[in-house]
């Protein structure tokens, strides 16, 4: 008879490790508003042209945004990921400077 010091019964052997994969929530990139700001020198026609060229607005949409900028001091031209917003601001302002316009745009978090 084996006493208390004898071999202990063992359960099934486990050679496998359980790997737990953490599920991550998809990260939605932060969105940025591209804002046109009013000034006393940039022509209304030039603002409409920029909105149509760089923001793919129709003439009607561009005119509406331009009038909002004129009346309110600023207006949102579109909402994009940070990289796209910064690119649109840079391209539009470069175009404005090349044409002698002091047009000002900014990109702000939504």
C-alpha atoms as a PDB file:
ATOM      1  CA  UNK A   1       0.000   0.000   0.000  1.00  0.00           C
ATOM      2  CA  UNK A   2       1.338   3.370  -0.929  1.00  0.00           C
ATOM      3  CA  UNK A   3       1.271   5.995   1.699  1.00  0.00           C
ATOM      4  CA  UNK A   4       0.860   9.736   1.564  1.00  0.00           C
ATOM      5  CA  UNK A   5       4.350  10.079   0.067  1.00  0.00           C
ATOM      6  CA  UNK A   6       3.592   7.966  -2.986  1.00  0.00           C
ATOM      7  CA  UNK A   7       3.054   9.239  -6.533  1.00  0.00           C
ATOM      8  CA  UNK A   8       0.184  11.639  -6.944  1.00  0.00           C
ATOM      9  CA  UNK A   9      -2.377  11.121  -9.632  1.00  0.00           C
ATOM     10  CA  UNK A  10      -2.014  13.627 -12.456  1.00  0.00           C
ATOM     11  CA  UNK A  11      -4.600  14.990 -14.820  1.00  0.00           C
ATOM     12  CA  UNK A  12      -4.224  14.974 -18.589  1.00  0.00           C
ATOM     13  CA  UNK A  13      -0.960  16.447 -19.847  1.00  0.00           C
ATOM     14  CA  UNK A  14      -1.174  19.770 -21.646  1.00  0.00           C
ATOM     15  CA  UNK A  15       1.565  20.457 -24.104  1.00  0.00           C
ATOM     16  CA  UNK A  16      -0.341  23.216 -25.887  1.00  0.00           C
ATOM     17  CA  UNK A  17      -0.467  26.811 -24.798  1.00  0.00           C
ATOM     18  CA  UNK A  18      -3.612  28.748 -25.389  1.00  0.00           C
ATOM     19  CA  UNK A  19      -2.900  31.880 -27.346  1.00  0.00           C
ATOM     20  CA  UNK A  20      -5.310  34.691 -26.664  1.00  0.00           C
ATOM     21  CA  UNK A  21      -5.490  37.287 -29.379  1.00  0.00           C
ATOM     22  CA  UNK A  22      -6.743  40.665 -28.341  1.00  0.00           C
ATOM     23  CA  UNK A  23      -9.339  42.135 -30.591  1.00  0.00           C
ATOM     24  CA  UNK A  24      -8.662  45.727 -31.342  1.00  0.00           C
ATOM     25  CA  UNK A  25     -11.325  48.145 -32.331  1.00  0.00           C
ATOM     26  CA  UNK A  26     -10.764  49.691 -35.718  1.00  0.00           C
ATOM     27  CA  UNK A  27      -9.307  53.139 -35.294  1.00  0.00           C
ATOM     28  CA  UNK A  28     -11.267  55.754 -37.155  1.00  0.00           C
ATOM     29  CA  UNK A  29      -8.889  58.507 -38.246  1.00  0.00           C
ATOM     30  CA  UNK A  30      -9.612  61.937 -36.865  1.00  0.00           C
ATOM     31  CA  UNK A  31     -11.258  64.206 -39.409  1.00  0.00           C
ATOM     32  CA  UNK A  32     -10.189  67.776 -40.182  1.00  0.00           C
ATOM     33  CA  UNK A  33     -12.224  70.694 -41.536  1.00  0.00           C
ATOM     34  CA  UNK A  34     -10.658  72.810 -44.250  1.00  0.00           C
ATOM     35  CA  UNK A  35     -11.747  76.381 -43.629  1.00  0.00           C
ATOM     36  CA  UNK A  36     -11.599  79.329 -46.028  1.00  0.00           C
ATOM     37  CA  UNK A  37     -11.120  82.700 -44.316  1.00  0.00           C
ATOM     38  CA  UNK A  38     -12.299  86.051 -45.636  1.00  0.00           C
ATOM     39  CA  UNK A  39      -9.918  88.828 -46.652  1.00  0.00           C
ATOM     40  CA  UNK A  40     -10.359  92.136 -48.446  1.00  0.00           C
ATOM     41  CA  UNK A  41      -8.198  91.342 -51.489  1.00  0.00           C
ATOM     42  CA  UNK A  42      -8.912  87.840 -52.826  1.00  0.00           C
ATOM     43  CA  UNK A  43     -11.580  88.056 -55.500  1.00  0.00           C
ATOM     44  CA  UNK A  44     -14.816  86.131 -55.208  1.00  0.00           C
ATOM     45  CA  UNK A  45     -14.218  84.600 -58.614  1.00  0.00           C
ATOM     46  CA  UNK A  46     -10.815  83.288 -57.509  1.00  0.00           C
ATOM     47  CA  UNK A  47     -12.323  81.658 -54.398  1.00  0.00           C
ATOM     48  CA  UNK A  48     -14.983  79.972 -56.548  1.00  0.00           C
ATOM     49  CA  UNK A  49     -12.296  78.766 -58.956  1.00  0.00           C
ATOM     50  CA  UNK A  50     -10.223  77.297 -56.084  1.00  0.00           C
ATOM     51  CA  UNK A  51     -13.246  75.526 -54.616  1.00  0.00           C
ATOM     52  CA  UNK A  52     -14.073  73.983 -57.973  1.00  0.00           C
ATOM     53  CA  UNK A  53     -10.466  73.075 -58.807  1.00  0.00           C
ATOM     54  CA  UNK A  54      -9.144  71.750 -55.473  1.00  0.00           C
ATOM     55  CA  UNK A  55     -12.342  70.692 -53.694  1.00  0.00           C
ATOM     56  CA  UNK A  56     -14.316  69.415 -56.700  1.00  0.00           C
ATOM     57  CA  UNK A  57     -17.328  71.612 -55.959  1.00  0.00           C
ATOM     58  CA  UNK A  58     -19.893  72.480 -58.559  1.00  0.00           C
ATOM     59  CA  UNK A  59     -20.161  76.149 -59.490  1.00  0.00           C
ATOM     60  CA  UNK A  60     -23.325  76.431 -57.394  1.00  0.00           C
ATOM     61  CA  UNK A  61     -21.729  74.792 -54.333  1.00  0.00           C
ATOM     62  CA  UNK A  62     -18.583  76.894 -54.715  1.00  0.00           C
ATOM     63  CA  UNK A  63     -20.602  80.104 -55.006  1.00  0.00           C
ATOM     64  CA  UNK A  64     -22.601  79.229 -51.890  1.00  0.00           C
ATOM     65  CA  UNK A  65     -19.408  78.553 -49.869  1.00  0.00           C
ATOM     66  CA  UNK A  66     -17.771  81.746 -51.207  1.00  0.00           C
ATOM     67  CA  UNK A  67     -20.792  83.831 -50.182  1.00  0.00           C
ATOM     68  CA  UNK A  68     -20.766  82.247 -46.726  1.00  0.00           C
ATOM     69  CA  UNK A  69     -17.077  83.165 -46.381  1.00  0.00           C
ATOM     70  CA  UNK A  70     -17.849  86.703 -47.551  1.00  0.00           C
ATOM     71  CA  UNK A  71     -20.777  87.199 -45.160  1.00  0.00           C
ATOM     72  CA  UNK A  72     -19.617  85.216 -42.107  1.00  0.00           C
ATOM     73  CA  UNK A  73     -15.851  85.572 -42.296  1.00  0.00           C
ATOM     74  CA  UNK A  74     -15.168  81.858 -42.821  1.00  0.00           C
ATOM     75  CA  UNK A  75     -16.723  78.651 -44.111  1.00  0.00           C
ATOM     76  CA  UNK A  76     -15.902  74.954 -44.247  1.00  0.00           C
ATOM     77  CA  UNK A  77     -14.994  73.722 -47.723  1.00  0.00           C
ATOM     78  CA  UNK A  78     -14.798  70.055 -46.744  1.00  0.00           C
ATOM     79  CA  UNK A  79     -13.878  67.490 -44.098  1.00  0.00           C
ATOM     80  CA  UNK A  80     -10.992  65.078 -44.704  1.00  0.00           C
ATOM     81  CA  UNK A  81      -8.347  62.988 -42.997  1.00  0.00           C
ATOM     82  CA  UNK A  82      -5.466  65.074 -41.662  1.00  0.00           C
ATOM     83  CA  UNK A  83      -3.093  64.343 -44.533  1.00  0.00           C
ATOM     84  CA  UNK A  84      -5.666  65.129 -47.213  1.00  0.00           C
ATOM     85  CA  UNK A  85      -6.766  68.327 -45.434  1.00  0.00           C
ATOM     86  CA  UNK A  86      -3.180  69.558 -45.069  1.00  0.00           C
ATOM     87  CA  UNK A  87      -2.459  68.774 -48.715  1.00  0.00           C
ATOM     88  CA  UNK A  88      -5.541  70.652 -49.914  1.00  0.00           C
ATOM     89  CA  UNK A  89      -4.633  73.677 -47.759  1.00  0.00           C
ATOM     90  CA  UNK A  90      -1.055  73.711 -49.088  1.00  0.00           C
ATOM     91  CA  UNK A  91      -2.023  73.246 -52.747  1.00  0.00           C
ATOM     92  CA  UNK A  92      -4.732  75.905 -52.619  1.00  0.00           C
ATOM     93  CA  UNK A  93      -2.546  78.451 -50.822  1.00  0.00           C
ATOM     94  CA  UNK A  94       0.367  77.790 -53.216  1.00  0.00           C
ATOM     95  CA  UNK A  95      -1.990  78.403 -56.134  1.00  0.00           C
ATOM     96  CA  UNK A  96      -3.253  81.597 -54.481  1.00  0.00           C
ATOM     97  CA  UNK A  97       0.290  82.921 -53.890  1.00  0.00           C
ATOM     98  CA  UNK A  98       1.265  82.101 -57.476  1.00  0.00           C
ATOM     99  CA  UNK A  99      -1.672  84.272 -58.569  1.00  0.00           C
ATOM    100  CA  UNK A 100      -0.932  87.129 -56.149  1.00  0.00           C
ATOM    101  CA  UNK A 101      -3.841  86.397 -53.824  1.00  0.00           C
ATOM    102  CA  UNK A 102      -3.547  86.433 -50.014  1.00  0.00           C
ATOM    103  CA  UNK A 103      -6.180  83.705 -49.600  1.00  0.00           C
ATOM    104  CA  UNK A 104      -5.976  82.026 -46.189  1.00  0.00           C
ATOM    105  CA  UNK A 105      -7.084  78.468 -45.424  1.00  0.00           C
ATOM    106  CA  UNK A 106      -6.683  76.417 -42.266  1.00  0.00           C
ATOM    107  CA  UNK A 107      -7.247  72.790 -41.280  1.00  0.00           C
ATOM    108  CA  UNK A 108      -8.806  72.227 -37.860  1.00  0.00           C
ATOM    109  CA  UNK A 109      -9.901  69.034 -36.077  1.00  0.00           C
ATOM    110  CA  UNK A 110     -13.614  68.346 -36.391  1.00  0.00           C
END
